[in-house]
């Protein structure tokens, strides 16, 4: 099973929620952590558009996003 995790950083380090999701997801299959980069200010719409375009090509089985303020946007 191919699982993508949308990673979040705080002060340059991966946030704990990202590491927790990766740990659990690795029990189910192959995990790839993705980060949205290249935006001066994070934009949920731009991130979702980029993620959808990549998913259309690579077809992951699951996409996990943390239940954080950024993830809920």
N, C-alpha and C. Protein backbone atom coordinates (compact mmCIF):
# COMPACT_ATOMS: atom_id res chain seq x y z
N UNK A 1 0.85 -1.17 0.00
CA UNK A 1 0.00 0.00 0.00
C UNK A 1 0.90 1.24 0.00
N UNK A 2 0.62 2.18 -0.88
CA UNK A 2 1.38 3.41 -0.99
C UNK A 2 0.64 4.51 -0.21
N UNK A 3 1.32 5.05 0.81
CA UNK A 3 0.72 6.05 1.69
C UNK A 3 1.54 7.33 1.63
N UNK A 4 0.86 8.44 1.41
CA UNK A 4 1.50 9.75 1.45
C UNK A 4 1.11 10.44 2.73
N UNK A 5 2.06 11.14 3.32
CA UNK A 5 1.80 11.96 4.49
C UNK A 5 2.21 13.39 4.14
N UNK A 6 1.30 14.32 4.36
CA UNK A 6 1.62 15.73 4.14
C UNK A 6 2.30 16.21 5.42
N UNK A 7 3.60 16.43 5.32
CA UNK A 7 4.40 16.80 6.49
C UNK A 7 4.30 18.28 6.82
N UNK A 8 4.46 18.57 8.09
CA UNK A 8 4.49 19.94 8.56
C UNK A 8 5.77 20.15 9.35
N UNK A 9 6.32 21.34 9.26
CA UNK A 9 7.53 21.70 10.01
C UNK A 9 7.23 22.86 10.95
N UNK A 10 7.98 22.88 12.04
CA UNK A 10 7.95 24.00 12.97
C UNK A 10 9.38 24.25 13.39
N UNK A 11 9.84 25.48 13.19
CA UNK A 11 11.22 25.84 13.51
C UNK A 11 12.23 24.93 12.82
N UNK A 12 11.92 24.54 11.58
CA UNK A 12 12.83 23.74 10.77
C UNK A 12 12.77 22.24 11.01
N UNK A 13 12.05 21.80 12.01
CA UNK A 13 11.95 20.37 12.33
C UNK A 13 10.57 19.84 11.98
N UNK A 14 10.51 18.55 11.62
CA UNK A 14 9.20 17.94 11.39
C UNK A 14 8.39 17.97 12.68
N UNK A 15 7.13 18.30 12.56
CA UNK A 15 6.27 18.34 13.75
C UNK A 15 5.98 16.92 14.23
N UNK A 16 5.72 16.79 15.50
CA UNK A 16 5.47 15.48 16.10
C UNK A 16 4.34 14.73 15.41
N UNK A 17 3.29 15.45 15.02
CA UNK A 17 2.15 14.80 14.37
C UNK A 17 2.59 14.10 13.08
N UNK A 18 3.53 14.68 12.36
CA UNK A 18 4.03 14.06 11.13
C UNK A 18 4.77 12.75 11.46
N UNK A 19 5.61 12.79 12.46
CA UNK A 19 6.35 11.59 12.86
C UNK A 19 5.41 10.50 13.36
N UNK A 20 4.39 10.89 14.11
CA UNK A 20 3.43 9.90 14.62
C UNK A 20 2.67 9.22 13.48
N UNK A 21 2.22 10.03 12.51
CA UNK A 21 1.51 9.45 11.36
C UNK A 21 2.43 8.51 10.58
N UNK A 22 3.68 8.92 10.38
CA UNK A 22 4.63 8.09 9.63
C UNK A 22 4.87 6.76 10.34
N UNK A 23 4.97 6.79 11.66
CA UNK A 23 5.19 5.57 12.42
C UNK A 23 4.04 4.58 12.27
N UNK A 24 2.82 5.08 12.40
CA UNK A 24 1.64 4.20 12.26
C UNK A 24 1.47 3.73 10.82
N UNK A 25 1.65 4.65 9.87
CA UNK A 25 1.45 4.31 8.47
C UNK A 25 2.46 3.29 7.97
N UNK A 26 3.67 3.32 8.53
CA UNK A 26 4.70 2.37 8.08
C UNK A 26 4.31 0.93 8.39
N UNK A 27 3.41 0.74 9.36
CA UNK A 27 2.91 -0.61 9.64
C UNK A 27 2.02 -1.12 8.51
N UNK A 28 1.46 -0.20 7.73
CA UNK A 28 0.52 -0.56 6.67
C UNK A 28 1.14 -0.66 5.28
N UNK A 29 2.27 0.02 5.08
CA UNK A 29 2.87 -0.01 3.75
C UNK A 29 3.98 1.00 3.58
N UNK A 30 4.25 1.32 2.33
CA UNK A 30 5.32 2.25 1.95
C UNK A 30 4.87 3.68 2.21
N UNK A 31 5.68 4.42 2.96
CA UNK A 31 5.33 5.78 3.36
C UNK A 31 6.23 6.79 2.66
N UNK A 32 5.62 7.84 2.13
CA UNK A 32 6.34 8.97 1.56
C UNK A 32 5.84 10.22 2.26
N UNK A 33 6.77 11.02 2.78
CA UNK A 33 6.39 12.28 3.41
C UNK A 33 6.59 13.39 2.40
N UNK A 34 5.53 14.12 2.15
CA UNK A 34 5.55 15.23 1.20
C UNK A 34 5.45 16.54 1.95
N UNK A 35 6.11 17.56 1.43
CA UNK A 35 5.99 18.90 2.00
C UNK A 35 5.66 19.87 0.89
N UNK A 36 4.82 20.81 1.20
CA UNK A 36 4.51 21.87 0.25
C UNK A 36 5.57 22.94 0.41
N UNK A 37 6.28 23.22 -0.67
CA UNK A 37 7.36 24.22 -0.61
C UNK A 37 7.14 25.25 -1.71
N UNK A 38 7.91 26.31 -1.64
CA UNK A 38 7.87 27.32 -2.68
C UNK A 38 6.81 28.38 -2.49
N UNK A 39 6.14 28.36 -1.36
CA UNK A 39 5.13 29.38 -1.08
C UNK A 39 5.64 30.28 0.03
N UNK A 40 5.56 31.58 -0.19
CA UNK A 40 5.98 32.51 0.86
C UNK A 40 5.08 32.37 2.08
N UNK A 41 3.81 32.24 1.82
CA UNK A 41 2.82 32.05 2.89
C UNK A 41 2.02 30.79 2.55
N UNK A 42 1.89 29.86 3.48
CA UNK A 42 1.15 28.63 3.17
C UNK A 42 -0.27 28.92 2.70
N UNK A 43 -0.68 28.26 1.65
CA UNK A 43 -2.00 28.44 1.07
C UNK A 43 -2.66 27.06 0.93
N UNK A 44 -3.75 26.82 1.66
CA UNK A 44 -4.42 25.52 1.55
C UNK A 44 -4.85 25.19 0.13
N UNK A 45 -5.34 26.17 -0.60
CA UNK A 45 -5.79 25.93 -1.97
C UNK A 45 -4.63 25.53 -2.87
N UNK A 46 -3.52 26.25 -2.78
CA UNK A 46 -2.35 25.93 -3.61
C UNK A 46 -1.79 24.55 -3.24
N UNK A 47 -1.76 24.26 -1.95
CA UNK A 47 -1.25 22.95 -1.51
C UNK A 47 -2.16 21.83 -2.01
N UNK A 48 -3.47 22.00 -1.90
CA UNK A 48 -4.41 20.97 -2.35
C UNK A 48 -4.32 20.76 -3.86
N UNK A 49 -4.15 21.84 -4.60
CA UNK A 49 -4.04 21.75 -6.06
C UNK A 49 -2.78 20.98 -6.46
N UNK A 50 -1.66 21.31 -5.82
CA UNK A 50 -0.39 20.62 -6.12
C UNK A 50 -0.47 19.14 -5.73
N UNK A 51 -1.07 18.87 -4.59
CA UNK A 51 -1.21 17.49 -4.12
C UNK A 51 -2.11 16.68 -5.05
N UNK A 52 -3.21 17.26 -5.49
CA UNK A 52 -4.13 16.57 -6.40
C UNK A 52 -3.46 16.27 -7.74
N UNK A 53 -2.67 17.21 -8.24
CA UNK A 53 -1.99 16.99 -9.52
C UNK A 53 -0.98 15.85 -9.41
N UNK A 54 -0.24 15.82 -8.32
CA UNK A 54 0.73 14.73 -8.15
C UNK A 54 0.03 13.40 -7.92
N UNK A 55 -1.06 13.41 -7.16
CA UNK A 55 -1.80 12.17 -6.88
C UNK A 55 -2.41 11.60 -8.16
N UNK A 56 -2.81 12.46 -9.08
CA UNK A 56 -3.38 12.00 -10.35
C UNK A 56 -2.36 11.20 -11.16
N UNK A 57 -1.09 11.52 -10.99
CA UNK A 57 -0.03 10.84 -11.73
C UNK A 57 0.48 9.60 -10.98
N UNK A 58 0.66 9.73 -9.67
CA UNK A 58 1.30 8.66 -8.91
C UNK A 58 0.34 7.74 -8.17
N UNK A 59 -0.89 8.08 -8.03
CA UNK A 59 -1.96 7.25 -7.47
C UNK A 59 -1.65 6.58 -6.12
N UNK A 60 -1.50 7.37 -5.06
CA UNK A 60 -1.32 6.75 -3.75
C UNK A 60 -2.61 6.08 -3.30
N UNK A 61 -2.48 5.10 -2.41
CA UNK A 61 -3.67 4.45 -1.87
C UNK A 61 -4.32 5.30 -0.79
N UNK A 62 -3.52 6.00 -0.02
CA UNK A 62 -4.02 6.87 1.05
C UNK A 62 -3.18 8.13 1.11
N UNK A 63 -3.81 9.25 1.51
CA UNK A 63 -3.11 10.50 1.79
C UNK A 63 -3.53 10.93 3.18
N UNK A 64 -2.55 11.08 4.07
CA UNK A 64 -2.82 11.46 5.45
C UNK A 64 -2.36 12.88 5.70
N UNK A 65 -3.20 13.64 6.39
CA UNK A 65 -2.89 15.02 6.76
C UNK A 65 -3.22 15.17 8.23
N UNK A 66 -2.30 15.76 8.99
CA UNK A 66 -2.48 15.90 10.43
C UNK A 66 -3.67 16.79 10.79
N UNK A 67 -4.27 16.50 11.93
CA UNK A 67 -5.41 17.29 12.42
C UNK A 67 -4.90 18.49 13.19
N UNK A 68 -4.13 19.32 12.49
CA UNK A 68 -3.58 20.55 13.06
C UNK A 68 -4.33 21.72 12.45
N UNK A 69 -4.02 22.92 12.89
CA UNK A 69 -4.67 24.10 12.30
C UNK A 69 -4.41 24.16 10.79
N UNK A 70 -3.17 23.89 10.39
CA UNK A 70 -2.84 23.92 8.96
C UNK A 70 -3.51 22.77 8.21
N UNK A 71 -3.53 21.60 8.83
CA UNK A 71 -4.12 20.42 8.19
C UNK A 71 -5.63 20.53 8.01
N UNK A 72 -6.29 21.20 8.94
CA UNK A 72 -7.74 21.33 8.86
C UNK A 72 -8.17 22.36 7.82
N UNK A 73 -7.26 23.27 7.44
CA UNK A 73 -7.59 24.24 6.40
C UNK A 73 -7.82 23.50 5.12
